């Protein structure tokens, strides 16, 4: 055994608890547990007998078979939520419907206990959704917080066919800004012609 493999030195209960926590987090665990717990009293009470001294009270009804079927179906749906969580929405809706049907059939839903547990388990199964991986969550946060680098303030901004517009003040040396814009020739107009309506230079 390598001394670096510290996982082998842990107690088996710690390893089991960690694996069970991982298994529980990948499925609607509490939904399945409540659904199965709700099916047990619904199926049990119609066939149970209470003894009060020498008196035996039988709580069986004419719909005892229906109560047994509802209880077994609720337990089956709870196991489906655990081991086949892809159909959790269907299982949750079916559990809610069976809980409602158990009120007039199975002694008011197992004396209301089974009804409440089955309704809670079905609602939890419908609303459960798998968690996103941590790596995807961190990458989404990084993409949202990305900031573009600041643009150069002195870069010219072109507007169609117009001359480039500088955000910073260009140098004022040269004739009609010839030094500020290399490659551009001064207009063939003198100052007198500019004031006289743009008469060309002779």
C-alpha atoms as a PDB file:
ATOM      1  CA  UNK A   1       0.000   0.000   0.000  1.00  0.00           C
ATOM      2  CA  UNK A   2       1.344   3.403  -0.925  1.00  0.00           C
ATOM      3  CA  UNK A   3       1.707   5.863   1.993  1.00  0.00           C
ATOM      4  CA  UNK A   4       0.172   8.587  -0.192  1.00  0.00           C
ATOM      5  CA  UNK A   5      -3.182   6.809  -0.560  1.00  0.00           C
ATOM      6  CA  UNK A   6      -4.782   8.284   2.559  1.00  0.00           C
ATOM      7  CA  UNK A   7      -8.275   7.243   1.441  1.00  0.00           C
ATOM      8  CA  UNK A   8      -7.594   3.614   2.339  1.00  0.00           C
ATOM      9  CA  UNK A   9      -6.838   4.584   5.939  1.00  0.00           C
ATOM     10  CA  UNK A  10     -10.258   6.109   6.585  1.00  0.00           C
ATOM     11  CA  UNK A  11     -12.885   4.319   8.605  1.00  0.00           C
ATOM     12  CA  UNK A  12     -15.367   2.360   6.527  1.00  0.00           C
ATOM     13  CA  UNK A  13     -18.283   4.264   8.063  1.00  0.00           C
ATOM     14  CA  UNK A  14     -16.774   7.555   6.850  1.00  0.00           C
ATOM     15  CA  UNK A  15     -16.371   6.171   3.350  1.00  0.00           C
ATOM     16  CA  UNK A  16     -19.914   4.781   3.357  1.00  0.00           C
ATOM     17  CA  UNK A  17     -21.349   8.077   4.579  1.00  0.00           C
ATOM     18  CA  UNK A  18     -19.521  10.012   1.849  1.00  0.00           C
ATOM     19  CA  UNK A  19     -20.694   7.621  -0.861  1.00  0.00           C
ATOM     20  CA  UNK A  20     -24.246   7.681   0.458  1.00  0.00           C
ATOM     21  CA  UNK A  21     -24.245  11.493   0.471  1.00  0.00           C
ATOM     22  CA  UNK A  22     -23.122  11.505  -3.169  1.00  0.00           C
ATOM     23  CA  UNK A  23     -25.778   8.931  -4.106  1.00  0.00           C
ATOM     24  CA  UNK A  24     -28.466  10.879  -2.239  1.00  0.00           C
ATOM     25  CA  UNK A  25     -27.569  14.159  -3.956  1.00  0.00           C
ATOM     26  CA  UNK A  26     -28.043  12.705  -7.457  1.00  0.00           C
ATOM     27  CA  UNK A  27     -31.727  11.780  -7.005  1.00  0.00           C
ATOM     28  CA  UNK A  28     -34.897  13.037  -5.237  1.00  0.00           C
ATOM     29  CA  UNK A  29     -34.091  11.070  -2.097  1.00  0.00           C
ATOM     30  CA  UNK A  30     -36.508  12.716   0.333  1.00  0.00           C
ATOM     31  CA  UNK A  31     -39.314  12.618  -2.215  1.00  0.00           C
ATOM     32  CA  UNK A  32     -38.981   8.866  -2.593  1.00  0.00           C
ATOM     33  CA  UNK A  33     -38.688   8.376   1.159  1.00  0.00           C
ATOM     34  CA  UNK A  34     -41.843  10.351   1.945  1.00  0.00           C
ATOM     35  CA  UNK A  35     -43.764   8.608  -0.847  1.00  0.00           C
ATOM     36  CA  UNK A  36     -42.872   5.159   0.437  1.00  0.00           C
ATOM     37  CA  UNK A  37     -43.623   6.218   4.004  1.00  0.00           C
ATOM     38  CA  UNK A  38     -47.049   7.418   2.844  1.00  0.00           C
ATOM     39  CA  UNK A  39     -47.843   4.129   1.138  1.00  0.00           C
ATOM     40  CA  UNK A  40     -47.201   2.007   4.234  1.00  0.00           C
ATOM     41  CA  UNK A  41     -50.036   3.272   6.475  1.00  0.00           C
ATOM     42  CA  UNK A  42     -52.452   3.327   3.536  1.00  0.00           C
ATOM     43  CA  UNK A  43     -51.812  -0.366   2.878  1.00  0.00           C
ATOM     44  CA  UNK A  44     -51.525  -1.403   6.541  1.00  0.00           C
ATOM     45  CA  UNK A  45     -54.546   0.009   8.353  1.00  0.00           C
ATOM     46  CA  UNK A  46     -57.294  -1.812   6.355  1.00  0.00           C
ATOM     47  CA  UNK A  47     -55.738  -5.139   7.403  1.00  0.00           C
ATOM     48  CA  UNK A  48     -54.742  -4.232  10.966  1.00  0.00           C
ATOM     49  CA  UNK A  49     -56.576  -5.268  14.112  1.00  0.00           C
ATOM     50  CA  UNK A  50     -56.551  -3.382  17.412  1.00  0.00           C
ATOM     51  CA  UNK A  51     -56.901  -5.296  20.692  1.00  0.00           C
ATOM     52  CA  UNK A  52     -58.578  -3.515  23.609  1.00  0.00           C
ATOM     53  CA  UNK A  53     -58.509  -6.084  26.357  1.00  0.00           C
ATOM     54  CA  UNK A  54     -60.713  -8.943  25.172  1.00  0.00           C
ATOM     55  CA  UNK A  55     -62.210  -6.852  22.379  1.00  0.00           C
ATOM     56  CA  UNK A  56     -60.692  -6.950  18.890  1.00  0.00           C
ATOM     57  CA  UNK A  57     -61.376  -4.041  16.566  1.00  0.00           C
ATOM     58  CA  UNK A  58     -61.019  -4.803  12.869  1.00  0.00           C
ATOM     59  CA  UNK A  59     -60.413  -1.727  10.709  1.00  0.00           C
ATOM     60  CA  UNK A  60     -60.764  -3.581   7.433  1.00  0.00           C
ATOM     61  CA  UNK A  61     -63.178  -2.125   4.927  1.00  0.00           C
ATOM     62  CA  UNK A  62     -64.828  -3.345   1.763  1.00  0.00           C
ATOM     63  CA  UNK A  63     -62.162  -1.479  -0.218  1.00  0.00           C
ATOM     64  CA  UNK A  64     -59.265  -3.291   1.459  1.00  0.00           C
ATOM     65  CA  UNK A  65     -57.932  -4.547  -1.862  1.00  0.00           C
ATOM     66  CA  UNK A  66     -57.948  -0.996  -3.249  1.00  0.00           C
ATOM     67  CA  UNK A  67     -56.024   0.250  -0.234  1.00  0.00           C
ATOM     68  CA  UNK A  68     -53.419  -2.459  -0.694  1.00  0.00           C
ATOM     69  CA  UNK A  69     -53.008  -1.597  -4.380  1.00  0.00           C
ATOM     70  CA  UNK A  70     -52.617   2.132  -3.618  1.00  0.00           C
ATOM     71  CA  UNK A  71     -50.045   1.432  -0.911  1.00  0.00           C
ATOM     72  CA  UNK A  72     -48.005  -0.893  -3.120  1.00  0.00           C
ATOM     73  CA  UNK A  73     -48.115   1.598  -5.987  1.00  0.00           C
ATOM     74  CA  UNK A  74     -46.895   4.402  -3.719  1.00  0.00           C
ATOM     75  CA  UNK A  75     -43.969   2.279  -2.533  1.00  0.00           C
ATOM     76  CA  UNK A  76     -43.159   1.408  -6.147  1.00  0.00           C
ATOM     77  CA  UNK A  77     -43.251   5.069  -7.141  1.00  0.00           C
ATOM     78  CA  UNK A  78     -40.924   5.928  -4.275  1.00  0.00           C
ATOM     79  CA  UNK A  79     -38.411   3.346  -5.470  1.00  0.00           C
ATOM     80  CA  UNK A  80     -38.781   4.703  -9.013  1.00  0.00           C
ATOM     81  CA  UNK A  81     -37.844   8.177  -7.780  1.00  0.00           C
ATOM     82  CA  UNK A  82     -34.678   6.714  -6.283  1.00  0.00           C
ATOM     83  CA  UNK A  83     -33.448   4.442  -9.049  1.00  0.00           C
ATOM     84  CA  UNK A  84     -35.014   5.940 -12.182  1.00  0.00           C
ATOM     85  CA  UNK A  85     -35.099   9.660 -11.483  1.00  0.00           C
ATOM     86  CA  UNK A  86     -35.527  10.584 -15.139  1.00  0.00           C
ATOM     87  CA  UNK A  87     -39.288   9.944 -14.735  1.00  0.00           C
ATOM     88  CA  UNK A  88     -39.507  11.854 -11.444  1.00  0.00           C
ATOM     89  CA  UNK A  89     -42.179  14.256 -12.739  1.00  0.00           C
ATOM     90  CA  UNK A  90     -44.485  11.426 -13.805  1.00  0.00           C
ATOM     91  CA  UNK A  91     -43.876   9.583 -10.533  1.00  0.00           C
ATOM     92  CA  UNK A  92     -44.602  12.735  -8.513  1.00  0.00           C
ATOM     93  CA  UNK A  93     -47.866  13.442 -10.319  1.00  0.00           C
ATOM     94  CA  UNK A  94     -48.942   9.808  -9.947  1.00  0.00           C
ATOM     95  CA  UNK A  95     -48.141   9.887  -6.221  1.00  0.00           C
ATOM     96  CA  UNK A  96     -50.268  13.011  -5.752  1.00  0.00           C
ATOM     97  CA  UNK A  97     -53.210  11.440  -7.614  1.00  0.00           C
ATOM     98  CA  UNK A  98     -52.976   8.218  -5.614  1.00  0.00           C
ATOM     99  CA  UNK A  99     -52.852  10.210  -2.373  1.00  0.00           C
ATOM    100  CA  UNK A 100     -56.052  11.993  -3.363  1.00  0.00           C
ATOM    101  CA  UNK A 101     -57.768   8.724  -4.316  1.00  0.00           C
ATOM    102  CA  UNK A 102     -56.792   7.172  -0.988  1.00  0.00           C
ATOM    103  CA  UNK A 103     -59.032   9.591   0.954  1.00  0.00           C
ATOM    104  CA  UNK A 104     -62.366   7.952   0.029  1.00  0.00           C
ATOM    105  CA  UNK A 105     -60.938   4.439  -0.373  1.00  0.00           C
ATOM    106  CA  UNK A 106     -58.269   3.747   2.258  1.00  0.00           C
ATOM    107  CA  UNK A 107     -59.622   5.005   5.609  1.00  0.00           C
ATOM    108  CA  UNK A 108     -59.165   8.688   4.798  1.00  0.00           C
ATOM    109  CA  UNK A 109     -55.728   8.097   3.355  1.00  0.00           C
ATOM    110  CA  UNK A 110     -54.397   5.986   6.195  1.00  0.00           C
ATOM    111  CA  UNK A 111     -55.942   8.260   8.824  1.00  0.00           C
ATOM    112  CA  UNK A 112     -54.515  11.312   6.993  1.00  0.00           C
ATOM    113  CA  UNK A 113     -50.927  10.270   7.776  1.00  0.00           C
ATOM    114  CA  UNK A 114     -50.372   8.422   4.516  1.00  0.00           C
ATOM    115  CA  UNK A 115     -52.184  11.116   2.561  1.00  0.00           C
ATOM    116  CA  UNK A 116     -49.961  13.914   3.874  1.00  0.00           C
ATOM    117  CA  UNK A 117     -46.713  11.961   3.383  1.00  0.00           C
ATOM    118  CA  UNK A 118     -47.631  10.896  -0.157  1.00  0.00           C
ATOM    119  CA  UNK A 119     -48.639  14.440  -1.122  1.00  0.00           C
ATOM    120  CA  UNK A 120     -45.375  15.819   0.254  1.00  0.00           C
ATOM    121  CA  UNK A 121     -43.302  13.199  -1.541  1.00  0.00           C
ATOM    122  CA  UNK A 122     -45.072  13.806  -4.850  1.00  0.00           C
ATOM    123  CA  UNK A 123     -44.616  17.572  -4.611  1.00  0.00           C
ATOM    124  CA  UNK A 124     -40.911  17.178  -3.814  1.00  0.00           C
ATOM    125  CA  UNK A 125     -40.444  14.821  -6.752  1.00  0.00           C
ATOM    126  CA  UNK A 126     -42.088  17.216  -9.217  1.00  0.00           C
ATOM    127  CA  UNK A 127     -40.058  20.197  -8.007  1.00  0.00           C
ATOM    128  CA  UNK A 128     -36.676  18.418  -7.768  1.00  0.00           C
ATOM    129  CA  UNK A 129     -34.002  19.238 -10.358  1.00  0.00           C
ATOM    130  CA  UNK A 130     -30.414  17.979 -10.643  1.00  0.00           C
ATOM    131  CA  UNK A 131     -27.714  20.427  -9.608  1.00  0.00           C
ATOM    132  CA  UNK A 132     -25.281  21.822 -12.172  1.00  0.00           C
ATOM    133  CA  UNK A 133     -21.631  20.774 -11.969  1.00  0.00           C
ATOM    134  CA  UNK A 134     -19.360  23.161 -10.098  1.00  0.00           C
ATOM    135  CA  UNK A 135     -17.001  23.625 -13.053  1.00  0.00           C
ATOM    136  CA  UNK A 136     -19.831  24.835 -15.313  1.00  0.00           C
ATOM    137  CA  UNK A 137     -21.012  27.256 -12.627  1.00  0.00           C
ATOM    138  CA  UNK A 138     -17.556  28.776 -12.215  1.00  0.00           C
ATOM    139  CA  UNK A 139     -17.064  29.134 -15.981  1.00  0.00           C
ATOM    140  CA  UNK A 140     -20.444  30.902 -16.250  1.00  0.00           C
ATOM    141  CA  UNK A 141     -19.433  33.352 -13.524  1.00  0.00           C
ATOM    142  CA  UNK A 142     -16.117  34.044 -15.274  1.00  0.00           C
ATOM    143  CA  UNK A 143     -17.850  34.731 -18.578  1.00  0.00           C
ATOM    144  CA  UNK A 144     -20.290  37.139 -16.912  1.00  0.00           C
ATOM    145  CA  UNK A 145     -17.519  39.067 -15.175  1.00  0.00           C
ATOM    146  CA  UNK A 146     -15.343  39.460 -18.277  1.00  0.00           C
ATOM    147  CA  UNK A 147     -14.396  43.032 -19.004  1.00  0.00           C
ATOM    148  CA  UNK A 148     -13.233  44.198 -22.396  1.00  0.00           C
ATOM    149  CA  UNK A 149      -9.940  46.102 -22.491  1.00  0.00           C
ATOM    150  CA  UNK A 150     -10.201  49.849 -22.724  1.00  0.00           C
ATOM    151  CA  UNK A 151      -9.926  51.234 -26.229  1.00  0.00           C
ATOM    152  CA  UNK A 152      -7.306  53.764 -27.225  1.00  0.00           C
ATOM    153  CA  UNK A 153      -8.697  57.237 -26.692  1.00  0.00           C
ATOM    154  CA  UNK A 154      -6.629  58.679 -29.564  1.00  0.00           C
ATOM    155  CA  UNK A 155      -7.862  56.179 -32.151  1.00  0.00           C
ATOM    156  CA  UNK A 156      -9.770  57.794 -35.015  1.00  0.00           C
ATOM    157  CA  UNK A 157     -13.444  57.012 -35.428  1.00  0.00           C
ATOM    158  CA  UNK A 158     -14.629  56.857 -39.062  1.00  0.00           C
ATOM    159  CA  UNK A 159     -18.144  57.967 -39.903  1.00  0.00           C
ATOM    160  CA  UNK A 160     -18.946  56.872 -43.442  1.00  0.00           C
ATOM    161  CA  UNK A 161     -17.000  58.848 -46.065  1.00  0.00           C
ATOM    162  CA  UNK A 162     -16.183  61.708 -43.755  1.00  0.00           C
ATOM    163  CA  UNK A 163     -12.683  62.519 -42.606  1.00  0.00           C
ATOM    164  CA  UNK A 164     -11.425  60.761 -39.472  1.00  0.00           C
ATOM    165  CA  UNK A 165     -12.497  62.367 -36.230  1.00  0.00           C
ATOM    166  CA  UNK A 166      -9.928  62.373 -33.441  1.00  0.00           C
ATOM    167  CA  UNK A 167     -10.994  62.247 -29.862  1.00  0.00           C
ATOM    168  CA  UNK A 168      -7.832  64.079 -28.780  1.00  0.00           C
ATOM    169  CA  UNK A 169      -6.853  67.445 -30.184  1.00  0.00           C
ATOM    170  CA  UNK A 170      -4.577  67.073 -33.279  1.00  0.00           C
ATOM    171  CA  UNK A 171      -1.435  69.210 -33.676  1.00  0.00           C
ATOM    172  CA  UNK A 172      -2.082  72.635 -35.197  1.00  0.00           C
ATOM    173  CA  UNK A 173       1.206  73.069 -37.059  1.00  0.00           C
ATOM    174  CA  UNK A 174       1.262  73.307 -40.846  1.00  0.00           C
ATOM    175  CA  UNK A 175      -0.862  74.966 -43.470  1.00  0.00           C
ATOM    176  CA  UNK A 176      -4.555  74.162 -42.946  1.00  0.00           C
ATOM    177  CA  UNK A 177      -3.609  71.221 -40.727  1.00  0.00           C
ATOM    178  CA  UNK A 178      -1.375  69.535 -43.317  1.00  0.00           C
ATOM    179  CA  UNK A 179       0.982  68.244 -40.614  1.00  0.00           C
ATOM    180  CA  UNK A 180      -1.898  66.896 -38.575  1.00  0.00           C
ATOM    181  CA  UNK A 181      -3.175  64.790 -41.471  1.00  0.00           C
ATOM    182  CA  UNK A 182      -0.284  63.354 -43.481  1.00  0.00           C
ATOM    183  CA  UNK A 183      -1.062  62.615 -47.077  1.00  0.00           C
ATOM    184  CA  UNK A 184      -3.716  65.314 -47.386  1.00  0.00           C
ATOM    185  CA  UNK A 185      -2.945  68.304 -49.602  1.00  0.00           C
ATOM    186  CA  UNK A 186      -4.138  71.790 -48.672  1.00  0.00           C
ATOM    187  CA  UNK A 187      -7.147  73.059 -50.551  1.00  0.00           C
ATOM    188  CA  UNK A 188      -6.316  75.241 -53.606  1.00  0.00           C
ATOM    189  CA  UNK A 189      -7.936  78.293 -52.078  1.00  0.00           C
ATOM    190  CA  UNK A 190      -6.256  81.275 -50.498  1.00  0.00           C
ATOM    191  CA  UNK A 191      -7.649  83.139 -47.571  1.00  0.00           C
ATOM    192  CA  UNK A 192      -8.897  85.999 -49.751  1.00  0.00           C
ATOM    193  CA  UNK A 193     -10.710  83.618 -52.049  1.00  0.00           C
ATOM    194  CA  UNK A 194     -12.284  81.856 -49.056  1.00  0.00           C
ATOM    195  CA  UNK A 195     -13.868  85.083 -47.945  1.00  0.00           C
ATOM    196  CA  UNK A 196     -14.925  85.901 -51.520  1.00  0.00           C
ATOM    197  CA  UNK A 197     -17.118  82.871 -52.078  1.00  0.00           C
ATOM    198  CA  UNK A 198     -14.474  80.303 -52.915  1.00  0.00           C
ATOM    199  CA  UNK A 199     -12.805  81.857 -55.968  1.00  0.00           C
ATOM    200  CA  UNK A 200     -10.024  79.575 -57.231  1.00  0.00           C
ATOM    201  CA  UNK A 201      -6.439  80.701 -56.974  1.00  0.00           C
ATOM    202  CA  UNK A 202      -5.143  82.321 -60.224  1.00  0.00           C
END
